[in-house]
């Protein structure tokens, strides 16, 4: 992987492909399996069964649950990668990010891809506006889509990743152009020596006005999406209108900080939509 540091060596390393599926990426690293100890995990049991039957025995693959933890001790890996995984995680993203943090050795590396708005033209039907770093943070689309249909799509802006993921990891490199054959950005992160809870990653960045702007923007996008994907769109639209009123009220100086309230309301709305 060209994204890894120039001094990186596979010799003696322990590596995990998180969300490996049937090994689309992992199977490309069989030569490295002669030097490093390779592992792969995914919650799709049939895919893992197929992969186990088609990789050498020195490659260790296992299933995992939809929520952490993984059945591995802390500091188990020198490198973890997640290709097209955090592009679909909505409510559980902070839990999984901290689980990866737990599993990495001191100064361990995490390589992950992320969506830019231009990645999926099919989703532009919900919001034809050009990508703007000022109005995109962590942007969720199609939250009610099940895993069997590809799951939701999650988009990230650079500033949001640096602010939120940067609390657990130092950013070694981050680019927003295509990663390999994927139209995704890629981030290489190094584990920081910190102890955090999911809420520490989720809280809005202090004094960052783009947090509130991004929450508003995502609500408007999801409102448009409702007209496309829900049969009871009128009831859902009324619910959204009520939530937007609460969000507007959150901007009053006498209330809790607007950014905190906006995030709380948006999380509540997403939960209702995905039921």
C-alpha atoms as a PDB file:
ATOM      1  CA  UNK A   1       0.000   0.000   0.000  1.00  0.00           C
ATOM      2  CA  UNK A   2       1.573   3.206  -1.191  1.00  0.00           C
ATOM      3  CA  UNK A   3      -0.252   5.182   1.529  1.00  0.00           C
ATOM      4  CA  UNK A   4       1.771   3.539   4.307  1.00  0.00           C
ATOM      5  CA  UNK A   5       4.884   5.359   5.580  1.00  0.00           C
ATOM      6  CA  UNK A   6       8.085   4.858   3.611  1.00  0.00           C
ATOM      7  CA  UNK A   7       9.682   3.141   6.629  1.00  0.00           C
ATOM      8  CA  UNK A   8       6.852   0.593   6.953  1.00  0.00           C
ATOM      9  CA  UNK A   9       7.921  -3.055   6.884  1.00  0.00           C
ATOM     10  CA  UNK A  10       5.621  -6.086   6.878  1.00  0.00           C
ATOM     11  CA  UNK A  11       8.200  -8.221   8.643  1.00  0.00           C
ATOM     12  CA  UNK A  12       6.797  -9.578  11.914  1.00  0.00           C
ATOM     13  CA  UNK A  13       3.738  -7.328  11.865  1.00  0.00           C
ATOM     14  CA  UNK A  14       0.201  -8.282  12.911  1.00  0.00           C
ATOM     15  CA  UNK A  15      -2.403  -6.839  10.570  1.00  0.00           C
ATOM     16  CA  UNK A  16      -6.229  -6.808  10.565  1.00  0.00           C
ATOM     17  CA  UNK A  17      -8.570  -6.235   7.627  1.00  0.00           C
ATOM     18  CA  UNK A  18     -11.655  -4.925   9.463  1.00  0.00           C
ATOM     19  CA  UNK A  19     -14.813  -5.576   7.452  1.00  0.00           C
ATOM     20  CA  UNK A  20     -12.967  -7.835   5.029  1.00  0.00           C
ATOM     21  CA  UNK A  21     -16.065  -9.473   3.495  1.00  0.00           C
ATOM     22  CA  UNK A  22     -15.013 -12.368   1.235  1.00  0.00           C
ATOM     23  CA  UNK A  23     -11.490 -10.969   1.066  1.00  0.00           C
ATOM     24  CA  UNK A  24     -11.598  -8.633  -1.921  1.00  0.00           C
ATOM     25  CA  UNK A  25      -8.669  -6.691  -0.424  1.00  0.00           C
ATOM     26  CA  UNK A  26      -7.164  -9.257   1.928  1.00  0.00           C
ATOM     27  CA  UNK A  27      -6.614 -11.826  -0.842  1.00  0.00           C
ATOM     28  CA  UNK A  28      -4.301  -9.355  -2.592  1.00  0.00           C
ATOM     29  CA  UNK A  29      -1.817  -9.645   0.272  1.00  0.00           C
ATOM     30  CA  UNK A  30      -0.932 -13.313   0.172  1.00  0.00           C
ATOM     31  CA  UNK A  31       2.755 -12.542  -0.540  1.00  0.00           C
ATOM     32  CA  UNK A  32       2.807 -10.366   2.607  1.00  0.00           C
ATOM     33  CA  UNK A  33       1.308 -13.284   4.554  1.00  0.00           C
ATOM     34  CA  UNK A  34       4.733 -14.900   4.314  1.00  0.00           C
ATOM     35  CA  UNK A  35       6.157 -11.996   6.330  1.00  0.00           C
ATOM     36  CA  UNK A  36       3.288 -10.760   8.501  1.00  0.00           C
ATOM     37  CA  UNK A  37       0.448 -12.341  10.460  1.00  0.00           C
ATOM     38  CA  UNK A  38      -2.737 -11.405   8.595  1.00  0.00           C
ATOM     39  CA  UNK A  39      -6.243 -11.411  10.075  1.00  0.00           C
ATOM     40  CA  UNK A  40      -9.640 -10.528   8.669  1.00  0.00           C
ATOM     41  CA  UNK A  41     -13.069 -10.109  10.217  1.00  0.00           C
ATOM     42  CA  UNK A  42     -16.592  -9.398   9.042  1.00  0.00           C
ATOM     43  CA  UNK A  43     -20.116  -9.807  10.400  1.00  0.00           C
ATOM     44  CA  UNK A  44     -21.251 -11.661   7.261  1.00  0.00           C
ATOM     45  CA  UNK A  45     -20.800 -15.301   8.211  1.00  0.00           C
ATOM     46  CA  UNK A  46     -21.119 -16.885   4.734  1.00  0.00           C
ATOM     47  CA  UNK A  47     -18.461 -14.543   3.354  1.00  0.00           C
ATOM     48  CA  UNK A  48     -16.046 -15.457   6.129  1.00  0.00           C
ATOM     49  CA  UNK A  49     -16.736 -19.177   5.627  1.00  0.00           C
ATOM     50  CA  UNK A  50     -15.946 -18.846   1.924  1.00  0.00           C
ATOM     51  CA  UNK A  51     -12.808 -16.839   2.638  1.00  0.00           C
ATOM     52  CA  UNK A  52     -11.534 -19.334   5.207  1.00  0.00           C
ATOM     53  CA  UNK A  53     -11.762 -22.062   2.565  1.00  0.00           C
ATOM     54  CA  UNK A  54      -9.798 -20.053  -0.005  1.00  0.00           C
ATOM     55  CA  UNK A  55      -6.871 -18.526   1.893  1.00  0.00           C
ATOM     56  CA  UNK A  56      -3.798 -20.235   3.357  1.00  0.00           C
ATOM     57  CA  UNK A  57      -4.128 -21.437   6.957  1.00  0.00           C
ATOM     58  CA  UNK A  58      -1.705 -18.765   8.189  1.00  0.00           C
ATOM     59  CA  UNK A  59      -4.344 -16.140   7.358  1.00  0.00           C
ATOM     60  CA  UNK A  60      -6.770 -15.967  10.298  1.00  0.00           C
ATOM     61  CA  UNK A  61     -10.368 -14.932   9.590  1.00  0.00           C
ATOM     62  CA  UNK A  62     -13.313 -14.694  11.972  1.00  0.00           C
ATOM     63  CA  UNK A  63     -16.833 -13.315  12.263  1.00  0.00           C
ATOM     64  CA  UNK A  64     -17.791 -10.405  14.482  1.00  0.00           C
ATOM     65  CA  UNK A  65     -21.027  -8.965  15.841  1.00  0.00           C
ATOM     66  CA  UNK A  66     -22.637  -5.769  14.554  1.00  0.00           C
ATOM     67  CA  UNK A  67     -21.350  -3.895  17.612  1.00  0.00           C
ATOM     68  CA  UNK A  68     -17.959  -4.108  19.351  1.00  0.00           C
ATOM     69  CA  UNK A  69     -15.938  -5.554  20.924  1.00  0.00           C
ATOM     70  CA  UNK A  70     -13.986  -7.933  18.749  1.00  0.00           C
ATOM     71  CA  UNK A  71     -12.805 -11.131  20.376  1.00  0.00           C
ATOM     72  CA  UNK A  72      -9.190 -10.029  20.469  1.00  0.00           C
ATOM     73  CA  UNK A  73      -7.084  -8.532  23.303  1.00  0.00           C
ATOM     74  CA  UNK A  74      -5.959  -4.931  23.414  1.00  0.00           C
ATOM     75  CA  UNK A  75      -2.851  -3.956  21.448  1.00  0.00           C
ATOM     76  CA  UNK A  76      -3.185  -6.958  19.130  1.00  0.00           C
ATOM     77  CA  UNK A  77      -2.291  -5.282  15.823  1.00  0.00           C
ATOM     78  CA  UNK A  78       0.337  -3.027  14.289  1.00  0.00           C
ATOM     79  CA  UNK A  79      -1.896  -2.064  11.355  1.00  0.00           C
ATOM     80  CA  UNK A  80      -5.660  -2.153  10.816  1.00  0.00           C
ATOM     81  CA  UNK A  81      -7.350  -1.170   7.583  1.00  0.00           C
ATOM     82  CA  UNK A  82     -11.044  -0.641   6.857  1.00  0.00           C
ATOM     83  CA  UNK A  83     -11.981  -0.300   3.189  1.00  0.00           C
ATOM     84  CA  UNK A  84     -15.563   0.866   2.517  1.00  0.00           C
ATOM     85  CA  UNK A  85     -16.594   0.315   6.148  1.00  0.00           C
ATOM     86  CA  UNK A  86     -16.888   3.719   7.825  1.00  0.00           C
ATOM     87  CA  UNK A  87     -18.602   4.800   4.617  1.00  0.00           C
ATOM     88  CA  UNK A  88     -21.656   2.929   5.963  1.00  0.00           C
ATOM     89  CA  UNK A  89     -21.482   3.184   9.773  1.00  0.00           C
ATOM     90  CA  UNK A  90     -24.006   5.584  11.285  1.00  0.00           C
ATOM     91  CA  UNK A  91     -24.789   5.274  15.001  1.00  0.00           C
ATOM     92  CA  UNK A  92     -21.955   2.836  15.795  1.00  0.00           C
ATOM     93  CA  UNK A  93     -19.071   4.714  14.175  1.00  0.00           C
ATOM     94  CA  UNK A  94     -17.620   6.111  17.402  1.00  0.00           C
ATOM     95  CA  UNK A  95     -17.784   2.732  19.155  1.00  0.00           C
ATOM     96  CA  UNK A  96     -15.962   1.012  16.317  1.00  0.00           C
ATOM     97  CA  UNK A  97     -13.368   3.745  15.992  1.00  0.00           C
ATOM     98  CA  UNK A  98     -12.488   3.364  19.663  1.00  0.00           C
ATOM     99  CA  UNK A  99     -12.470  -0.431  19.319  1.00  0.00           C
ATOM    100  CA  UNK A 100      -9.877  -0.081  16.565  1.00  0.00           C
ATOM    101  CA  UNK A 101      -7.965   2.286  18.853  1.00  0.00           C
ATOM    102  CA  UNK A 102      -8.052  -0.388  21.598  1.00  0.00           C
ATOM    103  CA  UNK A 103      -6.821  -3.119  19.252  1.00  0.00           C
ATOM    104  CA  UNK A 104      -3.836  -1.168  17.937  1.00  0.00           C
ATOM    105  CA  UNK A 105      -0.374  -1.305  19.420  1.00  0.00           C
ATOM    106  CA  UNK A 106       1.143   1.888  20.746  1.00  0.00           C
ATOM    107  CA  UNK A 107       1.684   4.143  17.709  1.00  0.00           C
ATOM    108  CA  UNK A 108      -0.199   1.600  15.579  1.00  0.00           C
ATOM    109  CA  UNK A 109      -1.602   2.652  12.204  1.00  0.00           C
ATOM    110  CA  UNK A 110      -5.194   2.759  10.978  1.00  0.00           C
ATOM    111  CA  UNK A 111      -5.896   3.141   7.271  1.00  0.00           C
ATOM    112  CA  UNK A 112      -9.478   3.816   6.238  1.00  0.00           C
ATOM    113  CA  UNK A 113     -11.445   5.102   3.273  1.00  0.00           C
ATOM    114  CA  UNK A 114     -14.267   7.642   3.364  1.00  0.00           C
ATOM    115  CA  UNK A 115     -16.896   8.988   0.968  1.00  0.00           C
ATOM    116  CA  UNK A 116     -16.818  12.406  -0.644  1.00  0.00           C
ATOM    117  CA  UNK A 117     -20.121  13.759  -1.935  1.00  0.00           C
ATOM    118  CA  UNK A 118     -19.095  13.156  -5.560  1.00  0.00           C
ATOM    119  CA  UNK A 119     -18.567   9.438  -4.876  1.00  0.00           C
ATOM    120  CA  UNK A 120     -22.090   8.281  -5.672  1.00  0.00           C
ATOM    121  CA  UNK A 121     -24.001  10.043  -8.422  1.00  0.00           C
ATOM    122  CA  UNK A 122     -27.158   8.140  -7.487  1.00  0.00           C
ATOM    123  CA  UNK A 123     -27.321  10.028  -4.204  1.00  0.00           C
ATOM    124  CA  UNK A 124     -27.056  13.398  -5.932  1.00  0.00           C
ATOM    125  CA  UNK A 125     -30.763  13.052  -6.687  1.00  0.00           C
ATOM    126  CA  UNK A 126     -31.362  13.871  -3.030  1.00  0.00           C
ATOM    127  CA  UNK A 127     -29.116  16.934  -3.047  1.00  0.00           C
ATOM    128  CA  UNK A 128     -27.804  18.324  -6.358  1.00  0.00           C
ATOM    129  CA  UNK A 129     -25.833  21.081  -4.647  1.00  0.00           C
ATOM    130  CA  UNK A 130     -22.037  21.092  -5.142  1.00  0.00           C
ATOM    131  CA  UNK A 131     -19.943  19.779  -2.272  1.00  0.00           C
ATOM    132  CA  UNK A 132     -19.156  22.481   0.275  1.00  0.00           C
ATOM    133  CA  UNK A 133     -16.840  22.002   3.239  1.00  0.00           C
ATOM    134  CA  UNK A 134     -18.861  24.656   5.061  1.00  0.00           C
ATOM    135  CA  UNK A 135     -22.089  22.627   5.011  1.00  0.00           C
ATOM    136  CA  UNK A 136     -20.867  19.012   5.207  1.00  0.00           C
ATOM    137  CA  UNK A 137     -19.624  17.343   8.374  1.00  0.00           C
ATOM    138  CA  UNK A 138     -20.586  13.709   8.897  1.00  0.00           C
ATOM    139  CA  UNK A 139     -23.360  13.403   6.329  1.00  0.00           C
ATOM    140  CA  UNK A 140     -25.741  10.421   6.410  1.00  0.00           C
ATOM    141  CA  UNK A 141     -27.933   9.410   3.483  1.00  0.00           C
ATOM    142  CA  UNK A 142     -30.402   6.514   3.161  1.00  0.00           C
ATOM    143  CA  UNK A 143     -30.263   5.712   6.909  1.00  0.00           C
ATOM    144  CA  UNK A 144     -33.101   3.182   6.707  1.00  0.00           C
ATOM    145  CA  UNK A 145     -31.478   0.964   4.063  1.00  0.00           C
ATOM    146  CA  UNK A 146     -30.643  -2.525   5.401  1.00  0.00           C
ATOM    147  CA  UNK A 147     -27.270  -4.201   5.078  1.00  0.00           C
ATOM    148  CA  UNK A 148     -28.664  -6.666   2.544  1.00  0.00           C
ATOM    149  CA  UNK A 149     -29.267  -3.682   0.244  1.00  0.00           C
ATOM    150  CA  UNK A 150     -25.877  -2.071   0.832  1.00  0.00           C
ATOM    151  CA  UNK A 151     -26.668  -0.155   4.005  1.00  0.00           C
ATOM    152  CA  UNK A 152     -26.715   3.615   4.471  1.00  0.00           C
ATOM    153  CA  UNK A 153     -24.124   5.885   2.893  1.00  0.00           C
ATOM    154  CA  UNK A 154     -21.981   8.149   5.071  1.00  0.00           C
ATOM    155  CA  UNK A 155     -19.976  11.080   3.718  1.00  0.00           C
ATOM    156  CA  UNK A 156     -17.273  13.008   5.557  1.00  0.00           C
ATOM    157  CA  UNK A 157     -15.584  16.344   5.075  1.00  0.00           C
ATOM    158  CA  UNK A 158     -11.906  16.775   5.796  1.00  0.00           C
ATOM    159  CA  UNK A 159     -12.409  19.266   8.629  1.00  0.00           C
ATOM    160  CA  UNK A 160     -14.868  16.953  10.393  1.00  0.00           C
ATOM    161  CA  UNK A 161     -12.533  13.955  10.214  1.00  0.00           C
ATOM    162  CA  UNK A 162      -9.607  15.981  11.511  1.00  0.00           C
ATOM    163  CA  UNK A 163     -11.719  17.387  14.358  1.00  0.00           C
ATOM    164  CA  UNK A 164     -13.507  14.214  15.510  1.00  0.00           C
ATOM    165  CA  UNK A 165     -11.290  11.295  14.527  1.00  0.00           C
ATOM    166  CA  UNK A 166      -8.291  13.436  15.402  1.00  0.00           C
ATOM    167  CA  UNK A 167      -9.219  13.160  19.078  1.00  0.00           C
ATOM    168  CA  UNK A 168      -8.189   9.498  19.048  1.00  0.00           C
ATOM    169  CA  UNK A 169      -5.623   9.502  16.240  1.00  0.00           C
ATOM    170  CA  UNK A 170      -2.957  11.736  14.785  1.00  0.00           C
ATOM    171  CA  UNK A 171      -3.552  12.332  11.090  1.00  0.00           C
ATOM    172  CA  UNK A 172      -0.514  11.068   9.163  1.00  0.00           C
ATOM    173  CA  UNK A 173      -2.052  11.753   5.766  1.00  0.00           C
ATOM    174  CA  UNK A 174      -5.503  12.477   4.406  1.00  0.00           C
ATOM    175  CA  UNK A 175      -6.469  12.859   0.778  1.00  0.00           C
ATOM    176  CA  UNK A 176      -9.868  13.218  -0.783  1.00  0.00           C
ATOM    177  CA  UNK A 177      -9.096  11.877  -4.260  1.00  0.00           C
ATOM    178  CA  UNK A 178      -9.748   8.323  -5.400  1.00  0.00           C
ATOM    179  CA  UNK A 179      -8.247   5.413  -3.474  1.00  0.00           C
ATOM    180  CA  UNK A 180      -7.134   2.633  -5.814  1.00  0.00           C
ATOM    181  CA  UNK A 181     -10.131   1.598  -7.900  1.00  0.00           C
ATOM    182  CA  UNK A 182     -12.549   3.285  -5.493  1.00  0.00           C
ATOM    183  CA  UNK A 183     -13.855   6.825  -5.739  1.00  0.00           C
ATOM    184  CA  UNK A 184     -13.169   7.334  -2.057  1.00  0.00           C
ATOM    185  CA  UNK A 185     -10.757   9.388  -0.014  1.00  0.00           C
ATOM    186  CA  UNK A 186      -8.217   7.721   2.248  1.00  0.00           C
ATOM    187  CA  UNK A 187      -6.898   8.603   5.687  1.00  0.00           C
ATOM    188  CA  UNK A 188      -3.845   7.176   7.412  1.00  0.00           C
ATOM    189  CA  UNK A 189      -4.061   7.673  11.173  1.00  0.00           C
ATOM    190  CA  UNK A 190      -1.694   6.902  14.036  1.00  0.00           C
ATOM    191  CA  UNK A 191      -2.980   5.876  17.461  1.00  0.00           C
ATOM    192  CA  UNK A 192      -2.757   8.572  20.121  1.00  0.00           C
ATOM    193  CA  UNK A 193      -2.095   7.685  23.765  1.00  0.00           C
ATOM    194  CA  UNK A 194      -5.518   8.787  25.013  1.00  0.00           C
ATOM    195  CA  UNK A 195      -8.467   7.229  26.830  1.00  0.00           C
ATOM    196  CA  UNK A 196     -11.834   8.215  25.364  1.00  0.00           C
ATOM    197  CA  UNK A 197     -15.513   7.303  25.370  1.00  0.00           C
ATOM    198  CA  UNK A 198     -17.777   7.413  22.289  1.00  0.00           C
ATOM    199  CA  UNK A 199     -19.321  10.677  23.510  1.00  0.00           C
ATOM    200  CA  UNK A 200     -15.862  12.265  23.423  1.00  0.00           C
ATOM    201  CA  UNK A 201     -15.659  11.618  19.684  1.00  0.00           C
ATOM    202  CA  UNK A 202     -19.258  12.603  18.968  1.00  0.00           C
ATOM    203  CA  UNK A 203     -19.393  15.977  20.731  1.00  0.00           C
ATOM    204  CA  UNK A 204     -19.325  18.997  18.402  1.00  0.00           C
ATOM    205  CA  UNK A 205     -16.037  20.755  17.922  1.00  0.00           C
ATOM    206  CA  UNK A 206     -15.974  23.843  20.184  1.00  0.00           C
ATOM    207  CA  UNK A 207     -16.299  27.190  18.410  1.00  0.00           C
ATOM    208  CA  UNK A 208     -16.808  25.498  15.056  1.00  0.00           C
ATOM    209  CA  UNK A 209     -19.820  27.066  13.283  1.00  0.00           C
ATOM    210  CA  UNK A 210     -19.720  24.425  10.556  1.00  0.00           C
ATOM    211  CA  UNK A 211     -21.039  21.854  13.047  1.00  0.00           C
ATOM    212  CA  UNK A 212     -24.446  23.519  13.205  1.00  0.00           C
ATOM    213  CA  UNK A 213     -24.459  24.358   9.495  1.00  0.00           C
ATOM    214  CA  UNK A 214     -23.701  20.724   8.657  1.00  0.00           C
ATOM    215  CA  UNK A 215     -26.497  19.456  10.905  1.00  0.00           C
ATOM    216  CA  UNK A 216     -28.983  21.774   9.222  1.00  0.00           C
ATOM    217  CA  UNK A 217     -27.795  20.734   5.778  1.00  0.00           C
ATOM    218  CA  UNK A 218     -28.114  17.019   6.514  1.00  0.00           C
ATOM    219  CA  UNK A 219     -31.633  17.519   7.872  1.00  0.00           C
ATOM    220  CA  UNK A 220     -32.643  19.257   4.655  1.00  0.00           C
ATOM    221  CA  UNK A 221     -31.134  16.424   2.620  1.00  0.00           C
ATOM    222  CA  UNK A 222     -32.965  13.790   4.633  1.00  0.00           C
ATOM    223  CA  UNK A 223     -36.184  15.744   4.290  1.00  0.00           C
ATOM    224  CA  UNK A 224     -35.837  15.511   0.502  1.00  0.00           C
ATOM    225  CA  UNK A 225     -34.990  11.835   0.766  1.00  0.00           C
ATOM    226  CA  UNK A 226     -38.182  11.171   2.685  1.00  0.00           C
ATOM    227  CA  UNK A 227     -40.211  12.049  -0.380  1.00  0.00           C
ATOM    228  CA  UNK A 228     -38.345   9.373  -2.309  1.00  0.00           C
ATOM    229  CA  UNK A 229     -38.142   6.429   0.055  1.00  0.00           C
ATOM    230  CA  UNK A 230     -40.986   6.476   2.567  1.00  0.00           C
ATOM    231  CA  UNK A 231     -44.608   5.609   1.800  1.00  0.00           C
ATOM    232  CA  UNK A 232     -45.835   7.650   4.782  1.00  0.00           C
ATOM    233  CA  UNK A 233     -43.874  10.725   3.717  1.00  0.00           C
ATOM    234  CA  UNK A 234     -46.490  13.211   4.923  1.00  0.00           C
ATOM    235  CA  UNK A 235     -46.316  11.931   8.504  1.00  0.00           C
ATOM    236  CA  UNK A 236     -42.535  11.815   8.374  1.00  0.00           C
ATOM    237  CA  UNK A 237     -42.358  15.309   6.920  1.00  0.00           C
ATOM    238  CA  UNK A 238     -44.510  16.615   9.790  1.00  0.00           C
ATOM    239  CA  UNK A 239     -42.187  14.910  12.257  1.00  0.00           C
ATOM    240  CA  UNK A 240     -39.195  16.473  10.559  1.00  0.00           C
ATOM    241  CA  UNK A 241     -40.798  19.914  10.677  1.00  0.00           C
ATOM    242  CA  UNK A 242     -41.257  19.592  14.428  1.00  0.00           C
ATOM    243  CA  UNK A 243     -37.638  18.550  14.835  1.00  0.00           C
ATOM    244  CA  UNK A 244     -36.457  21.465  12.743  1.00  0.00           C
ATOM    245  CA  UNK A 245     -38.416  23.819  15.006  1.00  0.00           C
ATOM    246  CA  UNK A 246     -36.581  22.389  17.989  1.00  0.00           C
ATOM    247  CA  UNK A 247     -33.298  22.812  16.179  1.00  0.00           C
ATOM    248  CA  UNK A 248     -34.085  26.473  15.504  1.00  0.00           C
ATOM    249  CA  UNK A 249     -34.964  26.971  19.178  1.00  0.00           C
ATOM    250  CA  UNK A 250     -31.592  25.501  20.132  1.00  0.00           C
ATOM    251  CA  UNK A 251     -29.918  28.622  18.783  1.00  0.00           C
ATOM    252  CA  UNK A 252     -31.227  30.758  21.641  1.00  0.00           C
ATOM    253  CA  UNK A 253     -28.457  32.017  23.925  1.00  0.00           C
ATOM    254  CA  UNK A 254     -30.407  30.964  27.019  1.00  0.00           C
ATOM    255  CA  UNK A 255     -30.355  27.322  26.002  1.00  0.00           C
ATOM    256  CA  UNK A 256     -27.575  24.767  25.900  1.00  0.00           C
ATOM    257  CA  UNK A 257     -25.024  25.486  23.157  1.00  0.00           C
ATOM    258  CA  UNK A 258     -26.714  25.287  19.782  1.00  0.00           C
ATOM    259  CA  UNK A 259     -24.231  22.819  18.412  1.00  0.00           C
ATOM    260  CA  UNK A 260     -24.866  20.288  21.207  1.00  0.00           C
ATOM    261  CA  UNK A 261     -28.628  20.532  20.821  1.00  0.00           C
ATOM    262  CA  UNK A 262     -28.461  20.268  17.045  1.00  0.00           C
ATOM    263  CA  UNK A 263     -26.436  17.093  17.254  1.00  0.00           C
ATOM    264  CA  UNK A 264     -28.795  15.591  19.828  1.00  0.00           C
ATOM    265  CA  UNK A 265     -31.884  16.376  17.762  1.00  0.00           C
ATOM    266  CA  UNK A 266     -30.366  15.050  14.569  1.00  0.00           C
ATOM    267  CA  UNK A 267     -29.376  11.791  16.273  1.00  0.00           C
ATOM    268  CA  UNK A 268     -32.924  11.386  17.558  1.00  0.00           C
ATOM    269  CA  UNK A 269     -34.377  11.988  14.107  1.00  0.00           C
ATOM    270  CA  UNK A 270     -32.066   9.482  12.465  1.00  0.00           C
ATOM    271  CA  UNK A 271     -33.113   6.864  14.984  1.00  0.00           C
ATOM    272  CA  UNK A 272     -36.766   7.422  14.239  1.00  0.00           C
ATOM    273  CA  UNK A 273     -36.238   7.232  10.500  1.00  0.00           C
ATOM    274  CA  UNK A 274     -34.308   3.948  10.638  1.00  0.00           C
ATOM    275  CA  UNK A 275     -37.019   2.110  12.578  1.00  0.00           C
END
